[in-house]
Amino acid sequence: MTVLCGCISNDIPYPRIQANFASFEVEGQIQATGIDSINRSLTVYLDETVDIQSVRLKSFVTTPAGVTWADSATFASGIDLSKPVTTTLRLYQDYSWVVSAVQNIDRYFTVANQIGASTIDVPGRRVVAYVPMQANITAIEVLTMKLAGPETTYSPEITGKRIDFSTPFELTVTEHGRSEKWTLYVLQTDASVVLESVDAWTNVAWLHASAEAGRDNGFEYRRADSQEWTEVPDEWVTQSGGAMTARLVGLTPLTTYQARARSDQDYSIEVEFTTEDTYTLPNGSFDDWWLDGKIWCPWIEGGSPYWGTGNKGATTLGSSNTYPTDDTATGSGQAACLETRFVGIGALGKLAAGNLFAGDYVKTDGTNGILDFGRPFTQHPTALRGYYKYTTAPISHTSSGFENLAGRPDSCIIWIALIDAPKPFEIRTNPANRHLFNPDAPDVIAYSSMEVGYDVNNYIPFRIELNYKDTARKPRYMLIVASASKYGDYFTGGNGAKLFIDNFSLDFDY
């Protein structure tokens, strides 16, 4: 008898499904963790009292089901986040994630008759301050000092005392049971006033200068073709010790000016600067639309789109939920109506928030969207303005983590941001690899938003003033987003909520 033997080769590969963090919380956190599923990174934001070298995990959620995280116990017992840490999630394959921390600590060092602000070099653990040549360098009074968190101790304690700074002064700084040596330098300078930099916008300019504290300090400016200097009003100037900043307003676009700083009768070198141009939002009136099949598009047929919508996603299961309307703020032209709807049938359906944004709808991922937020932009607007009205609805659909919102009135949101990034910001709404905008990300220069959770029956004007983190940094993209449901990215909102928007424009002055 012949026996035949064989085997079946199982060469079917494991599926490649990325393992993600859906939430991540640590002790002493001051805002939600930034979760970037595209770059697989977590950013936690810590209060200044937290020991960054021993950050303890409070809770986390991974997705999809079946993900394992071997390092969870290590993070729960305390992890050093003074530098980014790499950890691994596993689901068939390993997926490396980088965890980093942001901890902004208010640090300062001031002395009597100081010129300008102190330079505090945290990695080098040194401080440099300047005083006039006539100051007695062997008896400089230290006015204020804070070089670390609020529980820090200093040895010796020098605040309120006169110190000999003819040579570098060493100080022991102790926090969380660890001590470090810092070196303090107070140097003499013969420059009583220095205009250090000018940040020129369109109708606004920011002047930054150093002068001796306690003197009559200020700024002057003029057009380059004028002979007469104008004193900057005191209410436009902020001073902190010997550092001062002025905000000039009412300037003319594309115009060259000169500025100088003043301290008593002394003047700095004059600095020349040219203001930026203005910018008009394309189709900010929302008058231009065309119907591509069943997809409403907010631009003229054959034209270049500036505004995008989620209509391509909504129409996979229903009809466009962002569309033109002749119910406008001015009684003429068109406006945009953004409507939150449940599209599809039963388990095959999904809540789609009506939205409109500067950017492009890239593609549909199942029943989820991939979007590019942002258009190229290099100016510095001060605000976004326009008109809106809103009809709220009880939140009828929620996703994981938002169940407590069910039945509450929905809220609309309009927001604007400027980012210094090489490309538009990619949005992914799929819970498996969700990637949403984080206003606190390092590449965000300015951001502000408006939220409304009640009925506004008639059009009213709005003005959203931008909050800048840095007046000198130049943006590369501007993001403008409007949604009938604030949590629409999480498929949470009220069926039937409607946001009407009209006549968007940018302000460039305060």
Protein backbone atom coordinates (compact mmCIF):
# COMPACT_ATOMS: atom_id res chain seq x y z
CA MET A 1 0.00 0.00 0.00
CA THR A 2 1.29 3.40 -0.89
CA VAL A 3 0.73 6.28 1.53
CA LEU A 4 0.91 9.79 0.12
CA CYS A 5 1.84 12.57 2.52
CA GLY A 6 1.82 16.30 1.99
CA CYS A 7 1.41 19.64 3.69
CA ILE A 8 -0.37 22.86 3.01
CA SER A 9 1.80 25.97 3.15
CA ASN A 10 0.14 28.85 4.99
CA ASP A 11 1.70 31.78 3.20
CA ILE A 12 -1.18 34.20 3.73
CA PRO A 13 0.42 37.31 5.27
CA TYR A 14 -0.90 38.92 8.42
CA PRO A 15 -3.02 42.00 7.70
CA ARG A 16 -1.32 45.37 8.04
CA ILE A 17 -3.56 47.38 10.35
CA GLN A 18 -1.83 50.24 12.13
CA ALA A 19 -2.00 50.19 15.92
CA ASN A 20 -2.96 53.61 17.28
CA PHE A 21 -3.50 55.50 20.50
CA ALA A 22 -7.06 56.82 20.73
CA SER A 23 -6.37 58.65 24.01
CA PHE A 24 -3.41 59.20 26.31
CA GLU A 25 -3.42 61.06 29.64
CA VAL A 26 -0.68 61.71 32.21
CA GLU A 27 -0.65 63.28 35.66
CA GLY A 28 -0.23 67.06 35.69
CA GLN A 29 -1.46 67.46 32.14
CA ILE A 30 -2.88 70.92 31.33
CA GLN A 31 -4.57 70.13 28.01
CA ALA A 32 -5.43 67.21 25.77
CA THR A 33 -2.57 65.15 24.35
CA GLY A 34 -1.73 65.82 20.73
CA ILE A 35 -2.15 62.51 18.87
CA ASP A 36 -0.64 62.31 15.38
CA SER A 37 -1.48 58.93 13.87
CA ILE A 38 0.25 59.73 10.57
CA ASN A 39 3.67 60.35 12.15
CA ARG A 40 2.79 58.10 15.13
CA SER A 41 3.60 60.67 17.79
CA LEU A 42 2.13 61.77 21.12
CA THR A 43 2.69 65.22 22.63
CA VAL A 44 1.73 65.79 26.26
CA TYR A 45 1.48 69.29 27.74
CA LEU A 46 2.66 69.52 31.34
CA ASP A 47 2.07 72.02 34.12
CA GLU A 48 5.27 73.70 35.30
CA THR A 49 5.01 71.92 38.66
CA VAL A 50 5.40 68.45 37.09
CA ASP A 51 8.70 66.57 37.32
CA ILE A 52 9.36 66.05 33.62
CA GLN A 53 11.83 63.29 34.47
CA SER A 54 9.11 61.24 36.18
CA VAL A 55 5.85 61.66 34.27
CA ARG A 56 3.19 59.14 35.31
CA LEU A 57 0.61 57.71 32.94
CA LYS A 58 -3.02 57.99 34.14
CA SER A 59 -4.94 56.32 31.33
CA PHE A 60 -4.77 55.33 27.68
CA VAL A 61 -6.92 53.76 24.99
CA THR A 62 -5.58 51.95 21.92
CA THR A 63 -7.34 51.08 18.71
CA PRO A 64 -8.39 48.81 17.04
CA ALA A 65 -9.21 45.91 19.35
CA GLY A 66 -6.34 43.51 19.95
CA VAL A 67 -3.55 46.08 20.23
CA THR A 68 -0.98 45.35 22.94
CA TRP A 69 1.40 47.82 24.62
CA ALA A 70 4.17 46.19 26.62
CA ASP A 71 5.50 49.49 28.05
CA SER A 72 2.26 50.57 29.74
CA ALA A 73 3.43 49.53 33.23
CA THR A 74 6.72 51.39 32.78
CA PHE A 75 4.87 54.57 31.80
CA ALA A 76 2.48 54.18 34.73
CA SER A 77 5.38 54.05 37.21
CA GLY A 78 6.97 57.21 35.77
CA ILE A 79 8.92 57.92 32.59
CA ASP A 80 11.59 60.53 31.79
CA LEU A 81 10.18 62.81 29.09
CA SER A 82 12.92 65.43 29.20
CA LYS A 83 13.76 63.92 25.81
CA PRO A 84 11.40 62.13 23.36
CA VAL A 85 10.84 58.46 24.17
CA THR A 86 10.08 55.72 21.63
CA THR A 87 7.60 53.00 22.52
CA THR A 88 5.94 50.20 20.54
CA LEU A 89 2.36 49.13 19.94
CA ARG A 90 1.76 45.70 18.44
CA LEU A 91 -1.02 44.38 16.22
CA TYR A 92 0.35 41.64 13.93
CA GLN A 93 3.33 43.95 13.35
CA ASP A 94 5.20 46.44 15.56
CA TYR A 95 4.40 50.15 15.27
CA SER A 96 6.82 52.61 16.88
CA TRP A 97 5.39 55.73 18.51
CA VAL A 98 7.35 58.72 19.83
CA VAL A 99 6.17 60.34 23.07
CA SER A 100 7.37 63.86 23.85
CA ALA A 101 6.47 66.52 26.40
CA VAL A 102 6.01 70.27 26.24
CA GLN A 103 6.49 72.10 29.53
CA ASN A 104 6.48 75.88 29.40
CA ILE A 105 8.06 77.31 32.54
CA ASP A 106 7.86 81.03 33.28
CA ARG A 107 11.49 82.04 33.90
CA TYR A 108 12.85 85.51 34.65
CA PHE A 109 15.79 87.38 36.15
CA THR A 110 15.83 91.14 36.65
CA VAL A 111 18.24 93.58 38.27
CA ALA A 112 18.08 97.28 39.04
CA ASN A 113 18.65 99.63 36.08
CA GLN A 114 18.66 96.69 33.69
CA ILE A 115 18.82 97.32 29.94
CA GLY A 116 16.54 94.98 28.01
CA ALA A 117 15.36 91.53 29.00
CA SER A 118 17.68 88.88 30.40
CA THR A 119 18.78 86.00 28.19
CA ILE A 120 18.04 82.71 29.93
CA ASP A 121 19.86 79.74 28.40
CA VAL A 122 18.20 76.69 29.94
CA PRO A 123 20.34 73.95 28.31
CA GLY A 124 23.52 75.87 29.17
CA ARG A 125 22.15 76.85 32.61
CA ARG A 126 23.25 80.45 32.39
CA VAL A 127 21.67 83.89 32.54
CA VAL A 128 22.95 87.13 30.97
CA ALA A 129 21.67 90.60 31.90
CA TYR A 130 22.95 94.06 30.92
CA VAL A 131 23.29 97.28 32.91
CA PRO A 132 24.69 100.75 32.02
CA MET A 133 28.41 101.48 32.24
CA GLN A 134 27.84 103.80 35.22
CA ALA A 135 26.21 101.03 37.30
CA ASN A 136 28.25 99.78 40.28
CA ILE A 137 28.93 96.24 39.06
CA THR A 138 30.07 95.15 42.54
CA ALA A 139 26.69 95.97 44.12
CA ILE A 140 23.90 95.13 41.65
CA GLU A 141 20.49 94.65 43.26
CA VAL A 142 18.65 91.50 42.15
CA LEU A 143 14.96 92.41 41.85
CA THR A 144 13.30 89.15 40.78
CA MET A 145 14.41 85.63 39.89
CA LYS A 146 12.68 82.41 38.82
CA LEU A 147 14.75 79.90 36.87
CA ALA A 148 12.59 76.77 37.22
CA GLY A 149 9.25 75.64 38.69
CA PRO A 150 7.49 77.34 41.61
CA GLU A 151 8.82 74.91 44.26
CA THR A 152 12.47 75.53 43.36
CA THR A 153 14.99 76.61 46.01
CA TYR A 154 18.12 78.68 45.41
CA SER A 155 21.43 78.67 47.23
CA PRO A 156 22.38 81.29 48.06
CA GLU A 157 19.08 83.19 48.02
CA ILE A 158 19.89 86.48 46.28
CA THR A 159 16.54 88.08 45.46
CA GLY A 160 16.38 91.55 47.06
CA LYS A 161 20.13 91.58 47.76
CA ARG A 162 23.07 93.45 46.25
CA ILE A 163 25.49 91.08 44.55
CA ASP A 164 29.01 91.49 43.19
CA PHE A 165 28.79 90.65 39.48
CA SER A 166 32.31 91.76 38.58
CA THR A 167 32.85 88.04 37.96
CA PRO A 168 30.32 85.34 36.98
CA PHE A 169 28.13 84.39 39.93
CA GLU A 170 27.35 80.71 40.58
CA LEU A 171 24.02 79.61 41.99
CA THR A 172 22.66 76.18 43.02
CA VAL A 173 19.13 75.55 41.77
CA THR A 174 17.28 72.62 43.39
CA GLU A 175 13.99 71.16 42.13
CA HIS A 176 12.40 67.71 42.56
CA GLY A 177 15.38 66.63 44.67
CA ARG A 178 17.92 67.38 41.92
CA SER A 179 20.46 70.23 42.04
CA GLU A 180 22.07 72.07 39.14
CA LYS A 181 24.70 74.79 38.97
CA TRP A 182 23.63 77.94 37.14
CA THR A 183 25.93 80.84 36.23
CA LEU A 184 24.67 84.43 36.30
CA TYR A 185 26.36 87.17 34.25
CA VAL A 186 25.61 90.87 34.60
CA LEU A 187 27.51 92.80 31.95
CA GLN A 188 27.98 96.52 31.41
CA THR A 189 27.16 98.15 28.08
CA ASP A 190 27.51 101.68 26.73
CA ALA A 191 24.36 101.32 24.57
CA SER A 192 21.54 102.90 26.57
CA VAL A 193 18.85 102.01 24.03
CA VAL A 194 18.73 99.50 21.16
CA LEU A 195 15.95 98.86 18.62
CA GLU A 196 16.46 95.12 18.26
CA SER A 197 13.91 94.09 15.62
CA VAL A 198 10.80 95.08 13.68
CA ASP A 199 8.04 92.66 12.63
CA ALA A 200 6.23 94.33 9.73
CA TRP A 201 2.70 93.19 8.85
CA THR A 202 0.17 94.88 6.51
CA ASN A 203 -1.34 97.67 8.64
CA VAL A 204 0.58 96.76 11.80
CA ALA A 205 4.23 96.63 12.89
CA TRP A 206 5.78 95.36 16.11
CA LEU A 207 8.88 97.15 17.46
CA HIS A 208 11.12 95.41 20.00
CA ALA A 209 13.75 97.36 21.95
CA SER A 210 15.97 97.37 25.03
CA ALA A 211 16.54 100.38 27.26
CA GLU A 212 17.50 101.14 30.84
CA ALA A 213 14.62 100.39 33.18
CA GLY A 214 13.26 103.39 35.05
CA ARG A 215 14.05 105.95 32.36
CA ASP A 216 11.58 107.69 30.03
CA ASN A 217 11.52 105.06 27.29
CA GLY A 218 9.49 104.91 24.10
CA PHE A 219 9.46 104.79 20.30
CA GLU A 220 9.11 107.10 17.32
CA TYR A 221 8.27 106.32 13.69
CA ARG A 222 7.70 107.98 10.33
CA ARG A 223 7.19 107.21 6.66
CA ALA A 224 10.52 106.95 4.87
CA ASP A 225 9.57 109.93 2.67
CA SER A 226 8.75 112.12 5.69
CA GLN A 227 11.03 114.31 7.81
CA GLU A 228 8.77 114.42 10.86
CA TRP A 229 8.88 111.78 13.59
CA THR A 230 5.69 110.66 15.36
CA GLU A 231 5.81 109.61 19.01
CA VAL A 232 4.26 106.20 19.61
CA PRO A 233 1.41 106.62 22.15
CA ASP A 234 2.07 105.09 25.57
CA GLU A 235 -0.99 102.84 25.24
CA TRP A 236 0.66 101.14 22.24
CA VAL A 237 3.77 100.27 24.30
CA THR A 238 4.29 97.48 26.83
CA GLN A 239 7.34 97.45 29.10
CA SER A 240 8.85 94.78 31.31
CA GLY A 241 11.92 96.02 33.07
CA GLY A 242 14.26 97.20 30.35
CA ALA A 243 12.47 95.35 27.54
CA MET A 244 9.74 97.13 25.60
CA THR A 245 7.49 96.38 22.65
CA ALA A 246 5.29 98.72 20.62
CA ARG A 247 2.38 97.78 18.37
CA LEU A 248 2.00 100.31 15.57
CA VAL A 249 -1.42 100.37 13.90
CA GLY A 250 -2.98 102.25 11.01
CA LEU A 251 -0.01 101.76 8.69
CA THR A 252 -0.35 101.75 4.90
CA PRO A 253 0.25 98.47 2.99
CA LEU A 254 3.38 98.17 0.83
CA THR A 255 4.89 101.31 2.36
CA THR A 256 8.39 101.88 3.74
CA TYR A 257 8.71 103.32 7.26
CA GLN A 258 11.50 104.14 9.69
CA ALA A 259 11.46 103.58 13.44
CA ARG A 260 13.72 104.29 16.40
CA ALA A 261 13.66 103.65 20.13
CA ARG A 262 14.16 106.42 22.70
CA SER A 263 15.46 106.47 26.27
CA ASP A 264 15.39 109.95 27.83
CA GLN A 265 17.37 111.99 25.29
CA ASP A 266 19.19 109.02 23.76
CA TYR A 267 18.06 107.42 20.47
CA SER A 268 18.78 104.08 18.88
CA ILE A 269 19.90 103.55 15.32
CA GLU A 270 17.00 103.98 12.88
CA VAL A 271 15.55 100.79 11.40
CA GLU A 272 13.72 100.78 8.05
CA PHE A 273 10.91 98.34 7.24
CA THR A 274 8.26 97.81 4.55
CA THR A 275 4.71 96.68 5.26
CA GLU A 276 3.07 93.68 3.59
CA ASP A 277 0.28 93.62 1.01
CA THR A 278 -3.40 93.00 1.72
CA TYR A 279 -5.26 89.85 0.64
CA THR A 280 -8.81 89.20 -0.53
CA LEU A 281 -10.31 85.77 0.11
CA PRO A 282 -11.31 84.14 -3.20
CA ASN A 283 -15.09 83.71 -3.34
CA GLY A 284 -15.38 84.98 0.22
CA SER A 285 -18.90 86.08 -0.73
CA PHE A 286 -19.82 82.43 -1.47
CA ASP A 287 -21.65 83.62 -4.58
CA ASP A 288 -19.92 81.16 -6.94
CA TRP A 289 -21.13 77.53 -7.08
CA TRP A 290 -21.65 74.76 -9.59
CA LEU A 291 -23.27 71.33 -9.42
CA ASP A 292 -20.99 68.45 -10.42
CA GLY A 293 -23.46 65.57 -10.64
CA LYS A 294 -24.91 65.63 -7.14
CA ILE A 295 -21.89 67.35 -5.55
CA TRP A 296 -22.21 71.08 -4.89
CA CYS A 297 -18.85 72.83 -5.37
CA PRO A 298 -18.19 76.38 -4.02
CA TRP A 299 -16.44 77.73 -7.14
CA ILE A 300 -17.40 78.44 -10.73
CA GLU A 301 -17.31 75.56 -13.20
CA GLY A 302 -13.84 75.34 -14.71
CA GLY A 303 -12.42 77.70 -12.09
CA SER A 304 -9.73 77.16 -9.48
CA PRO A 305 -11.23 75.97 -6.18
CA TYR A 306 -10.26 77.77 -2.99
CA TRP A 307 -12.94 76.36 -0.69
CA GLY A 308 -13.55 72.66 -0.19
CA THR A 309 -16.37 70.71 1.45
CA GLY A 310 -17.08 67.20 2.66
CA ASN A 311 -19.73 66.76 -0.03
CA LYS A 312 -17.77 64.02 -1.82
CA GLY A 313 -17.97 61.95 1.34
CA ALA A 314 -21.59 62.81 2.12
CA THR A 315 -22.74 61.91 -1.39
CA THR A 316 -21.39 58.36 -1.13
CA LEU A 317 -24.47 57.66 1.02
CA GLY A 318 -26.72 60.67 0.37
CA SER A 319 -26.77 64.16 -1.08
CA SER A 320 -24.60 67.25 -0.60
CA ASN A 321 -24.96 68.72 2.86
CA THR A 322 -23.07 71.94 2.08
CA TYR A 323 -24.86 73.88 -0.62
CA PRO A 324 -25.71 77.39 -1.87
CA THR A 325 -28.68 79.35 -0.61
CA ASP A 326 -30.24 82.68 -1.58
CA ASP A 327 -30.91 83.34 2.12
CA THR A 328 -28.01 85.79 2.45
CA ALA A 329 -26.77 88.46 4.84
CA THR A 330 -27.23 91.24 2.27
CA GLY A 331 -30.34 90.06 0.45
CA SER A 332 -28.45 89.44 -2.78
CA GLY A 333 -26.12 86.83 -4.23
CA GLN A 334 -25.63 83.51 -2.47
CA ALA A 335 -24.48 82.23 0.91
CA ALA A 336 -23.35 78.80 2.08
CA CYS A 337 -25.60 76.51 4.11
CA LEU A 338 -23.78 73.82 6.10
CA GLU A 339 -26.20 71.14 7.30
CA THR A 340 -25.48 68.21 9.61
CA ARG A 341 -27.32 65.11 8.42
CA PHE A 342 -27.45 61.40 9.00
CA VAL A 343 -26.75 59.94 5.56
CA GLY A 344 -27.39 56.34 4.53
CA ILE A 345 -29.63 53.73 6.11
CA GLY A 346 -29.30 52.21 9.60
CA ALA A 347 -25.95 50.56 10.27
CA LEU A 348 -24.81 51.54 6.78
CA GLY A 349 -25.26 55.23 7.57
CA LYS A 350 -23.17 57.83 9.33
CA LEU A 351 -23.57 61.36 10.63
CA ALA A 352 -22.06 63.90 8.22
CA ALA A 353 -21.45 67.40 9.58
CA GLY A 354 -21.94 70.19 7.08
CA ASN A 355 -18.58 71.87 6.60
CA LEU A 356 -16.63 74.26 4.41
CA PHE A 357 -12.89 74.90 4.53
CA ALA A 358 -9.99 76.48 2.69
CA GLY A 359 -8.43 73.45 1.03
CA ASP A 360 -9.30 70.25 -0.82
CA TYR A 361 -11.24 67.06 -0.26
CA VAL A 362 -8.56 64.52 -1.21
CA LYS A 363 -10.43 61.21 -1.19
CA THR A 364 -12.88 58.97 0.63
CA ASP A 365 -11.54 56.24 2.91
CA GLY A 366 -14.47 53.83 3.23
CA THR A 367 -17.10 56.15 4.67
CA ASN A 368 -14.46 58.53 6.08
CA GLY A 369 -12.75 61.52 4.56
CA ILE A 370 -9.16 62.54 3.90
CA LEU A 371 -8.86 66.31 3.54
CA ASP A 372 -6.12 68.88 2.99
CA PHE A 373 -6.69 71.96 5.16
CA GLY A 374 -4.97 75.16 4.05
CA ARG A 375 -4.04 77.39 1.12
CA PRO A 376 -0.64 79.04 0.53
CA PHE A 377 -0.45 82.32 2.43
CA THR A 378 2.34 84.54 3.79
CA GLN A 379 0.68 87.61 5.32
CA HIS A 380 -0.32 88.37 8.92
CA PRO A 381 -4.06 89.11 9.21
CA THR A 382 -5.44 90.24 12.54
CA ALA A 383 -8.91 88.70 12.25
CA LEU A 384 -11.46 86.79 10.18
CA ARG A 385 -14.82 88.48 9.82
CA GLY A 386 -18.13 87.63 8.19
CA TYR A 387 -21.81 86.93 8.85
CA TYR A 388 -23.53 83.85 10.20
CA LYS A 389 -26.77 82.46 11.56
CA TYR A 390 -27.32 79.09 13.17
CA THR A 391 -30.06 76.61 13.94
CA THR A 392 -28.95 74.09 16.53
CA ALA A 393 -30.39 70.60 17.07
CA PRO A 394 -30.17 68.07 19.91
CA ILE A 395 -27.08 65.88 19.50
CA SER A 396 -28.57 62.73 18.00
CA HIS A 397 -25.45 60.73 17.16
CA THR A 398 -22.28 60.24 19.21
CA SER A 399 -19.10 58.25 18.95
CA SER A 400 -16.93 56.63 21.60
CA GLY A 401 -15.94 59.16 24.25
CA PHE A 402 -18.73 61.61 23.42
CA GLU A 403 -21.74 59.65 24.70
CA ASN A 404 -22.33 62.19 27.49
CA LEU A 405 -23.18 64.84 24.87
CA ALA A 406 -26.27 62.99 23.61
CA GLY A 407 -29.37 65.17 23.77
CA ARG A 408 -27.47 68.41 24.38
CA PRO A 409 -27.73 71.27 21.86
CA ASP A 410 -25.20 70.96 19.05
CA SER A 411 -22.60 73.73 18.57
CA CYS A 412 -21.21 75.18 15.38
CA ILE A 413 -17.60 76.31 15.05
CA ILE A 414 -15.66 78.67 12.79
CA TRP A 415 -11.89 78.83 13.16
CA ILE A 416 -8.81 80.26 11.49
CA ALA A 417 -5.14 79.30 11.83
CA LEU A 418 -1.79 80.21 10.30
CA ILE A 419 0.84 77.49 10.07
CA ASP A 420 4.52 77.38 9.16
CA ALA A 421 4.49 74.01 7.43
CA PRO A 422 5.75 72.77 4.03
CA LYS A 423 2.33 71.49 2.93
CA PRO A 424 -1.37 71.67 3.82
CA PHE A 425 -2.50 69.92 7.00
CA GLU A 426 -3.87 66.45 6.29
CA ILE A 427 -7.10 65.57 8.11
CA ARG A 428 -8.18 61.94 8.52
CA THR A 429 -11.54 61.18 10.15
CA ASN A 430 -11.22 57.37 10.16
CA PRO A 431 -11.05 56.34 13.86
CA ALA A 432 -8.40 53.74 12.98
CA ASN A 433 -5.92 56.43 11.89
CA ARG A 434 -7.62 59.67 12.92
CA HIS A 435 -5.47 62.77 12.40
CA LEU A 436 -6.99 66.10 13.42
CA PHE A 437 -5.72 69.65 13.74
CA ASN A 438 -4.01 70.62 17.01
CA PRO A 439 -3.89 74.41 17.64
CA ASP A 440 -0.98 73.91 20.05
CA ALA A 441 1.28 72.13 17.55
CA PRO A 442 4.73 73.70 17.07
CA ASP A 443 4.04 74.77 13.48
CA VAL A 444 0.94 76.78 14.43
CA ILE A 445 1.76 80.51 14.46
CA ALA A 446 -1.72 81.86 15.19
CA TYR A 447 -5.18 80.48 15.93
CA SER A 448 -8.61 81.53 17.11
CA SER A 449 -12.15 80.19 16.97
CA MET A 450 -15.81 81.00 17.58
CA GLU A 451 -18.35 78.48 18.89
CA VAL A 452 -22.12 78.95 19.18
CA GLY A 453 -24.50 76.43 20.77
CA TYR A 454 -27.85 78.21 20.49
CA ASP A 455 -30.18 79.46 17.76
CA VAL A 456 -29.25 82.66 15.95
CA ASN A 457 -32.31 83.33 13.82
CA ASN A 458 -31.02 86.28 11.78
CA TYR A 459 -27.61 86.97 10.27
CA ILE A 460 -25.24 88.77 12.63
CA PRO A 461 -21.63 89.84 12.03
CA PHE A 462 -18.72 88.04 13.67
CA ARG A 463 -15.06 88.90 14.07
CA ILE A 464 -12.53 86.27 15.19
CA GLU A 465 -9.29 87.96 16.27
CA LEU A 466 -6.20 85.82 15.80
CA ASN A 467 -4.00 85.02 18.80
CA TYR A 468 -0.36 85.03 17.66
CA LYS A 469 2.32 82.98 19.38
CA ASP A 470 5.08 84.77 17.47
CA THR A 471 4.80 88.10 15.65
CA ALA A 472 7.99 87.56 13.62
CA ARG A 473 7.39 84.10 12.21
CA LYS A 474 6.08 84.02 8.64
CA PRO A 475 3.22 81.65 7.78
CA ARG A 476 3.13 79.40 4.74
CA TYR A 477 -0.50 78.27 4.89
CA MET A 478 -3.78 79.70 6.14
CA LEU A 479 -6.55 77.39 7.39
CA ILE A 480 -10.17 78.54 7.62
CA VAL A 481 -12.82 76.01 8.68
CA ALA A 482 -16.55 76.22 9.37
CA SER A 483 -18.72 73.33 10.58
CA ALA A 484 -22.35 73.00 11.65
CA SER A 485 -21.21 70.53 14.34
CA LYS A 486 -18.13 71.20 16.47
CA TYR A 487 -17.43 67.49 16.94
CA GLY A 488 -18.29 66.48 13.40
CA ASP A 489 -14.80 65.02 12.93
CA TYR A 490 -15.84 62.45 15.54
CA PHE A 491 -19.21 61.83 13.83
CA THR A 492 -20.93 63.48 16.77
CA GLY A 493 -23.65 66.07 16.25
CA GLY A 494 -27.29 66.89 15.83
CA ASN A 495 -29.20 65.77 12.76
CA GLY A 496 -30.65 68.95 11.20
CA ALA A 497 -28.24 71.52 12.67
CA LYS A 498 -27.64 74.27 10.08
CA LEU A 499 -24.93 76.93 9.88
CA PHE A 500 -25.34 79.73 7.31
CA ILE A 501 -22.20 81.75 6.47
CA ASP A 502 -21.67 84.73 4.16
CA ASN A 503 -19.16 87.40 3.16
CA PHE A 504 -15.92 86.15 4.74
CA SER A 505 -13.00 88.61 4.71
CA LEU A 506 -9.72 89.27 6.51
CA ASP A 507 -8.82 92.23 8.70
CA PHE A 508 -5.24 93.46 8.80
CA ASP A 509 -5.49 96.09 11.54
CA TYR A 510 -6.56 96.22 15.17
